[in-house]
PDB file of N, CA and C in Angstrom:
ATOM      1  N   UNK A   1       0.838  -1.163   0.000  1.00  0.00           N
ATOM      2  CA  UNK A   1       0.000   0.000   0.000  1.00  0.00           C
ATOM      3  C   UNK A   1       0.893   1.239   0.000  1.00  0.00           C
ATOM      4  N   UNK A   2       0.475   2.243  -0.730  1.00  0.00           N
ATOM      5  CA  UNK A   2       1.212   3.502  -0.789  1.00  0.00           C
ATOM      6  C   UNK A   2       0.314   4.633  -0.307  1.00  0.00           C
ATOM      7  N   UNK A   3       0.860   5.464   0.562  1.00  0.00           N
ATOM      8  CA  UNK A   3       0.150   6.637   1.074  1.00  0.00           C
ATOM      9  C   UNK A   3       0.988   7.855   0.752  1.00  0.00           C
ATOM     10  N   UNK A   4       0.366   8.875   0.174  1.00  0.00           N
ATOM     11  CA  UNK A   4       1.096  10.109  -0.111  1.00  0.00           C
ATOM     12  C   UNK A   4       0.430  11.272   0.605  1.00  0.00           C
ATOM     13  N   UNK A   5       1.261  12.171   1.084  1.00  0.00           N
ATOM     14  CA  UNK A   5       0.804  13.390   1.744  1.00  0.00           C
ATOM     15  C   UNK A   5       1.532  14.546   1.081  1.00  0.00           C
ATOM     16  N   UNK A   6       0.778  15.514   0.582  1.00  0.00           N
ATOM     17  CA  UNK A   6       1.387  16.638  -0.117  1.00  0.00           C
ATOM     18  C   UNK A   6       0.930  17.954   0.499  1.00  0.00           C
ATOM     19  N   UNK A   7       1.757  18.960   0.396  1.00  0.00           N
ATOM     20  CA  UNK A   7       1.377  20.294   0.837  1.00  0.00           C
ATOM     21  C   UNK A   7       1.695  21.302  -0.261  1.00  0.00           C
ATOM     22  N   UNK A   8       1.318  22.531  -0.034  1.00  0.00           N
ATOM     23  CA  UNK A   8       1.570  23.587  -1.018  1.00  0.00           C
ATOM     24  C   UNK A   8       2.411  24.705  -0.424  1.00  0.00           C
ATOM     25  N   UNK A   9       3.174  24.374   0.584  1.00  0.00           N
ATOM     26  CA  UNK A   9       4.089  25.337   1.199  1.00  0.00           C
ATOM     27  C   UNK A   9       5.295  25.544   0.274  1.00  0.00           C
ATOM     28  N   UNK A  10       6.320  26.262   0.725  1.00  0.00           N
ATOM     29  CA  UNK A  10       7.452  26.554  -0.169  1.00  0.00           C
ATOM     30  C   UNK A  10       8.241  25.336  -0.642  1.00  0.00           C
ATOM     31  N   UNK A  11       8.140  24.209   0.011  1.00  0.00           N
ATOM     32  CA  UNK A  11       8.942  23.045  -0.373  1.00  0.00           C
ATOM     33  C   UNK A  11      10.204  22.960   0.470  1.00  0.00           C
ATOM     34  N   UNK A  12      11.058  22.017   0.130  1.00  0.00           N
ATOM     35  CA  UNK A  12      12.286  21.757   0.877  1.00  0.00           C
ATOM     36  C   UNK A  12      13.459  22.020  -0.050  1.00  0.00           C
ATOM     37  N   UNK A  13      14.456  22.768   0.402  1.00  0.00           N
ATOM     38  CA  UNK A  13      15.623  22.978  -0.457  1.00  0.00           C
ATOM     39  C   UNK A  13      16.199  21.639  -0.921  1.00  0.00           C
ATOM     40  N   UNK A  14      16.616  21.586  -2.169  1.00  0.00           N
ATOM     41  CA  UNK A  14      17.102  20.334  -2.768  1.00  0.00           C
ATOM     42  C   UNK A  14      18.183  19.669  -1.913  1.00  0.00           C
ATOM     43  N   UNK A  15      19.121  20.464  -1.359  1.00  0.00           N
ATOM     44  CA  UNK A  15      20.213  19.892  -0.563  1.00  0.00           C
ATOM     45  C   UNK A  15      19.721  19.247   0.730  1.00  0.00           C
ATOM     46  N   UNK A  16      18.510  19.584   1.161  1.00  0.00           N
ATOM     47  CA  UNK A  16      17.992  19.087   2.441  1.00  0.00           C
ATOM     48  C   UNK A  16      17.045  17.904   2.299  1.00  0.00           C
ATOM     49  N   UNK A  17      16.665  17.539   1.087  1.00  0.00           N
ATOM     50  CA  UNK A  17      15.660  16.482   0.917  1.00  0.00           C
ATOM     51  C   UNK A  17      16.034  15.172   1.610  1.00  0.00           C
ATOM     52  N   UNK A  18      17.266  14.742   1.532  1.00  0.00           N
ATOM     53  CA  UNK A  18      17.651  13.492   2.196  1.00  0.00           C
ATOM     54  C   UNK A  18      17.904  13.706   3.684  1.00  0.00           C
ATOM     55  N   UNK A  19      18.298  14.899   4.073  1.00  0.00           N
ATOM     56  CA  UNK A  19      18.609  15.178   5.470  1.00  0.00           C
ATOM     57  C   UNK A  19      17.367  15.272   6.355  1.00  0.00           C
ATOM     58  N   UNK A  20      16.189  15.532   5.772  1.00  0.00           N
ATOM     59  CA  UNK A  20      15.004  15.736   6.602  1.00  0.00           C
ATOM     60  C   UNK A  20      14.618  14.502   7.399  1.00  0.00           C
ATOM     61  N   UNK A  21      15.171  13.347   7.036  1.00  0.00           N
ATOM     62  CA  UNK A  21      14.896  12.125   7.783  1.00  0.00           C
ATOM     63  C   UNK A  21      15.954  11.848   8.859  1.00  0.00           C
ATOM     64  N   UNK A  22      16.944  12.723   9.002  1.00  0.00           N
ATOM     65  CA  UNK A  22      17.962  12.585  10.052  1.00  0.00           C
ATOM     66  C   UNK A  22      17.407  13.072  11.379  1.00  0.00           C
ATOM     67  N   UNK A  23      17.866  12.456  12.468  1.00  0.00           N
ATOM     68  CA  UNK A  23      17.430  12.868  13.813  1.00  0.00           C
ATOM     69  C   UNK A  23      17.716  14.349  14.046  1.00  0.00           C
ATOM     70  N   UNK A  24      16.710  15.064  14.489  1.00  0.00           N
ATOM     71  CA  UNK A  24      16.807  16.468  14.919  1.00  0.00           C
ATOM     72  C   UNK A  24      17.212  17.444  13.818  1.00  0.00           C
ATOM     73  N   UNK A  25      17.071  17.046  12.548  1.00  0.00           N
ATOM     74  CA  UNK A  25      17.407  17.964  11.461  1.00  0.00           C
ATOM     75  C   UNK A  25      16.231  18.892  11.194  1.00  0.00           C
ATOM     76  N   UNK A  26      16.523  20.169  11.085  1.00  0.00           N
ATOM     77  CA  UNK A  26      15.533  21.176  10.689  1.00  0.00           C
ATOM     78  C   UNK A  26      16.149  22.056   9.618  1.00  0.00           C
ATOM     79  N   UNK A  27      15.416  22.311   8.565  1.00  0.00           N
ATOM     80  CA  UNK A  27      15.874  23.219   7.529  1.00  0.00           C
ATOM     81  C   UNK A  27      15.913  24.612   8.134  1.00  0.00           C
ATOM     82  N   UNK A  28      17.014  25.307   7.973  1.00  0.00           N
ATOM     83  CA  UNK A  28      17.138  26.663   8.509  1.00  0.00           C
ATOM     84  C   UNK A  28      16.608  27.674   7.508  1.00  0.00           C
ATOM     85  N   UNK A  29      15.480  28.289   7.844  1.00  0.00           N
ATOM     86  CA  UNK A  29      14.952  29.387   7.035  1.00  0.00           C
ATOM     87  C   UNK A  29      14.061  30.246   7.933  1.00  0.00           C
ATOM     88  N   UNK A  30      13.482  31.280   7.377  1.00  0.00           N
ATOM     89  CA  UNK A  30      12.671  32.214   8.169  1.00  0.00           C
ATOM     90  C   UNK A  30      11.493  31.506   8.829  1.00  0.00           C
ATOM     91  N   UNK A  31      10.879  30.554   8.139  1.00  0.00           N
ATOM     92  CA  UNK A  31       9.725  29.849   8.698  1.00  0.00           C
ATOM     93  C   UNK A  31      10.113  28.999   9.899  1.00  0.00           C
ATOM     94  N   UNK A  32      11.178  28.211   9.801  1.00  0.00           N
ATOM     95  CA  UNK A  32      11.548  27.331  10.910  1.00  0.00           C
ATOM     96  C   UNK A  32      12.086  28.106  12.102  1.00  0.00           C
ATOM     97  N   UNK A  33      12.595  29.293  11.873  1.00  0.00           N
ATOM     98  CA  UNK A  33      13.070  30.095  13.005  1.00  0.00           C
ATOM     99  C   UNK A  33      11.913  30.629  13.844  1.00  0.00           C
ATOM    100  N   UNK A  34      10.725  30.749  13.254  1.00  0.00           N
ATOM    101  CA  UNK A  34       9.583  31.299  13.983  1.00  0.00           C
ATOM    102  C   UNK A  34       8.612  30.231  14.457  1.00  0.00           C
ATOM    103  N   UNK A  35       8.816  28.981  14.076  1.00  0.00           N
ATOM    104  CA  UNK A  35       7.921  27.908  14.491  1.00  0.00           C
ATOM    105  C   UNK A  35       8.636  26.965  15.448  1.00  0.00           C
ATOM    106  N   UNK A  36       7.871  26.224  16.213  1.00  0.00           N
ATOM    107  CA  UNK A  36       8.449  25.255  17.140  1.00  0.00           C
ATOM    108  C   UNK A  36       8.774  23.954  16.433  1.00  0.00           C
ATOM    109  N   UNK A  37       9.292  23.032  17.170  1.00  0.00           N
ATOM    110  CA  UNK A  37       9.606  21.717  16.624  1.00  0.00           C
ATOM    111  C   UNK A  37      11.033  21.329  16.938  1.00  0.00           C
ATOM    112  N   UNK A  38      11.239  20.023  16.985  1.00  0.00           N
ATOM    113  CA  UNK A  38      12.564  19.510  17.332  1.00  0.00           C
ATOM    114  C   UNK A  38      13.282  18.880  16.151  1.00  0.00           C
ATOM    115  N   UNK A  39      12.546  18.581  15.082  1.00  0.00           N
ATOM    116  CA  UNK A  39      13.161  17.908  13.945  1.00  0.00           C
ATOM    117  C   UNK A  39      13.206  16.400  14.114  1.00  0.00           C
ATOM    118  N   UNK A  40      12.391  15.854  14.998  1.00  0.00           N
ATOM    119  CA  UNK A  40      12.419  14.408  15.221  1.00  0.00           C
ATOM    120  C   UNK A  40      11.278  13.681  14.507  1.00  0.00           C
ATOM    121  N   UNK A  41      10.256  14.392  14.063  1.00  0.00           N
ATOM    122  CA  UNK A  41       9.060  13.767  13.492  1.00  0.00           C
ATOM    123  C   UNK A  41       9.327  12.864  12.299  1.00  0.00           C
ATOM    124  N   UNK A  42       9.951  13.390  11.246  1.00  0.00           N
ATOM    125  CA  UNK A  42      10.192  12.571  10.056  1.00  0.00           C
ATOM    126  C   UNK A  42      11.234  11.492  10.305  1.00  0.00           C
ATOM    127  N   UNK A  43      12.124  11.730  11.235  1.00  0.00           N
ATOM    128  CA  UNK A  43      13.092  10.704  11.611  1.00  0.00           C
ATOM    129  C   UNK A  43      12.370   9.500  12.222  1.00  0.00           C
ATOM    130  N   UNK A  44      11.399   9.767  13.092  1.00  0.00           N
ATOM    131  CA  UNK A  44      10.621   8.679  13.691  1.00  0.00           C
ATOM    132  C   UNK A  44       9.774   7.962  12.648  1.00  0.00           C
ATOM    133  N   UNK A  45       9.183   8.716  11.736  1.00  0.00           N
ATOM    134  CA  UNK A  45       8.409   8.098  10.658  1.00  0.00           C
ATOM    135  C   UNK A  45       9.289   7.115   9.887  1.00  0.00           C
ATOM    136  N   UNK A  46      10.494   7.533   9.533  1.00  0.00           N
ATOM    137  CA  UNK A  46      11.403   6.654   8.786  1.00  0.00           C
ATOM    138  C   UNK A  46      11.739   5.399   9.592  1.00  0.00           C
ATOM    139  N   UNK A  47      12.024   5.569  10.870  1.00  0.00           N
ATOM    140  CA  UNK A  47      12.355   4.408  11.718  1.00  0.00           C
ATOM    141  C   UNK A  47      11.179   3.435  11.826  1.00  0.00           C
ATOM    142  N   UNK A  48       9.964   3.960  12.010  1.00  0.00           N
ATOM    143  CA  UNK A  48       8.779   3.104  12.100  1.00  0.00           C
ATOM    144  C   UNK A  48       8.531   2.370  10.778  1.00  0.00           C
ATOM    145  N   UNK A  49       8.669   3.105   9.677  1.00  0.00           N
ATOM    146  CA  UNK A  49       8.444   2.482   8.371  1.00  0.00           C
ATOM    147  C   UNK A  49       9.460   1.372   8.121  1.00  0.00           C
ATOM    148  N   UNK A  50      10.720   1.614   8.430  1.00  0.00           N
ATOM    149  CA  UNK A  50      11.745   0.593   8.230  1.00  0.00           C
ATOM    150  C   UNK A  50      11.505  -0.608   9.138  1.00  0.00           C
ATOM    151  N   UNK A  51      11.059  -0.373  10.370  1.00  0.00           N
ATOM    152  CA  UNK A  51      10.791  -1.467  11.296  1.00  0.00           C
ATOM    153  C   UNK A  51       9.661  -2.365  10.786  1.00  0.00           C
ATOM    154  N   UNK A  52       8.739  -1.794  10.001  1.00  0.00           N
ATOM    155  CA  UNK A  52       7.632  -2.569   9.441  1.00  0.00           C
ATOM    156  C   UNK A  52       7.954  -3.123   8.053  1.00  0.00           C
ATOM    157  N   UNK A  53       9.182  -2.867   7.581  1.00  0.00           N
ATOM    158  CA  UNK A  53       9.570  -3.355   6.267  1.00  0.00           C
ATOM    159  C   UNK A  53       9.145  -2.436   5.134  1.00  0.00           C
ATOM    160  N   UNK A  54       8.797  -1.201   5.458  1.00  0.00           N
ATOM    161  CA  UNK A  54       8.384  -0.237   4.447  1.00  0.00           C
ATOM    162  C   UNK A  54       9.448   0.817   4.215  1.00  0.00           C
ATOM    163  N   UNK A  55       9.048   1.899   3.551  1.00  0.00           N
ATOM    164  CA  UNK A  55       9.980   2.985   3.276  1.00  0.00           C
ATOM    165  C   UNK A  55       9.234   4.309   3.214  1.00  0.00           C
ATOM    166  N   UNK A  56       9.991   5.391   3.279  1.00  0.00           N
ATOM    167  CA  UNK A  56       9.431   6.733   3.156  1.00  0.00           C
ATOM    168  C   UNK A  56      10.391   7.572   2.321  1.00  0.00           C
ATOM    169  N   UNK A  57       9.828   8.398   1.435  1.00  0.00           N
ATOM    170  CA  UNK A  57      10.634   9.289   0.610  1.00  0.00           C
ATOM    171  C   UNK A  57       9.979  10.663   0.573  1.00  0.00           C
ATOM    172  N   UNK A  58      10.767  11.657   0.207  1.00  0.00           N
ATOM    173  CA  UNK A  58      10.268  13.024   0.061  1.00  0.00           C
ATOM    174  C   UNK A  58      10.726  13.566  -1.281  1.00  0.00           C
ATOM    175  N   UNK A  59       9.853  14.336  -1.904  1.00  0.00           N
ATOM    176  CA  UNK A  59      10.199  14.972  -3.181  1.00  0.00           C
ATOM    177  C   UNK A  59       9.452  16.292  -3.289  1.00  0.00           C
ATOM    178  N   UNK A  60      10.099  17.273  -3.858  1.00  0.00           N
ATOM    179  CA  UNK A  60       9.423  18.541  -4.106  1.00  0.00           C
ATOM    180  C   UNK A  60       8.446  18.379  -5.265  1.00  0.00           C
ATOM    181  N   UNK A  61       7.336  19.083  -5.189  1.00  0.00           N
ATOM    182  CA  UNK A  61       6.339  19.076  -6.252  1.00  0.00           C
ATOM    183  C   UNK A  61       6.853  19.917  -7.423  1.00  0.00           C
ATOM    184  N   UNK A  62       6.244  19.764  -8.584  1.00  0.00           N
ATOM    185  CA  UNK A  62       6.633  20.603  -9.715  1.00  0.00           C
ATOM    186  C   UNK A  62       6.253  22.056  -9.455  1.00  0.00           C
ATOM    187  N   UNK A  63       5.187  22.273  -8.713  1.00  0.00           N
ATOM    188  CA  UNK A  63       4.816  23.607  -8.256  1.00  0.00           C
ATOM    189  C   UNK A  63       5.294  23.765  -6.832  1.00  0.00           C
ATOM    190  N   UNK A  64       4.627  24.601  -6.051  1.00  0.00           N
ATOM    191  CA  UNK A  64       5.042  24.747  -4.654  1.00  0.00           C
ATOM    192  C   UNK A  64       4.741  23.482  -3.849  1.00  0.00           C
ATOM    193  N   UNK A  65       5.496  23.275  -2.801  1.00  0.00           N
ATOM    194  CA  UNK A  65       5.214  22.191  -1.875  1.00  0.00           C
ATOM    195  C   UNK A  65       6.082  20.971  -2.020  1.00  0.00           C
ATOM    196  N   UNK A  66       5.758  20.000  -1.187  1.00  0.00           N
ATOM    197  CA  UNK A  66       6.512  18.763  -1.071  1.00  0.00           C
ATOM    198  C   UNK A  66       5.530  17.610  -0.921  1.00  0.00           C
ATOM    199  N   UNK A  67       5.931  16.428  -1.373  1.00  0.00           N
ATOM    200  CA  UNK A  67       5.125  15.225  -1.199  1.00  0.00           C
ATOM    201  C   UNK A  67       5.951  14.186  -0.453  1.00  0.00           C
ATOM    202  N   UNK A  68       5.371  13.657   0.611  1.00  0.00           N
ATOM    203  CA  UNK A  68       5.969  12.565   1.380  1.00  0.00           C
ATOM    204  C   UNK A  68       5.231  11.295   0.973  1.00  0.00           C
ATOM    205  N   UNK A  69       5.976  10.248   0.604  1.00  0.00           N
ATOM    206  CA  UNK A  69       5.377   8.988   0.173  1.00  0.00           C
ATOM    207  C   UNK A  69       5.772   7.878   1.131  1.00  0.00           C
ATOM    208  N   UNK A  70       4.773   7.209   1.671  1.00  0.00           N
ATOM    209  CA  UNK A  70       4.968   6.066   2.560  1.00  0.00           C
ATOM    210  C   UNK A  70       4.621   4.798   1.788  1.00  0.00           C
ATOM    211  N   UNK A  71       5.526   3.841   1.773  1.00  0.00           N
ATOM    212  CA  UNK A  71       5.265   2.573   1.108  1.00  0.00           C
ATOM    213  C   UNK A  71       5.249   1.481   2.173  1.00  0.00           C
ATOM    214  N   UNK A  72       4.063   0.924   2.380  1.00  0.00           N
ATOM    215  CA  UNK A  72       3.872  -0.102   3.403  1.00  0.00           C
ATOM    216  C   UNK A  72       3.875  -1.485   2.766  1.00  0.00           C
ATOM    217  N   UNK A  73       4.484  -2.461   3.433  1.00  0.00           N
ATOM    218  CA  UNK A  73       4.492  -3.810   2.871  1.00  0.00           C
ATOM    219  C   UNK A  73       3.109  -4.449   3.002  1.00  0.00           C
ATOM    220  N   UNK A  74       2.859  -5.456   2.170  1.00  0.00           N
ATOM    221  CA  UNK A  74       1.612  -6.222   2.282  1.00  0.00           C
ATOM    222  C   UNK A  74       1.786  -7.236   3.397  1.00  0.00           C
ATOM    223  N   UNK A  75       0.792  -7.350   4.228  1.00  0.00           N
ATOM    224  CA  UNK A  75       0.853  -8.326   5.327  1.00  0.00           C
ATOM    225  C   UNK A  75      -0.027  -9.507   5.018  1.00  0.00           C
TER     226      UNK A  75
END
């Protein structure tokens, strides 16, 4: 099963796309400086997905925003 979640925010800088799944990583920009968060959310998602035999990826949309794709194994 595949689940996708997309937004229409500014997106993620290309250099940060793989780093967003690292523990405590936050993209440094004006938005993240004014919002809360620890940078652990997507790291936990990746760990949970891997523990279940699945995967998670992130990609910028052709327009604004980013899409997170979760691929769950068949049970």
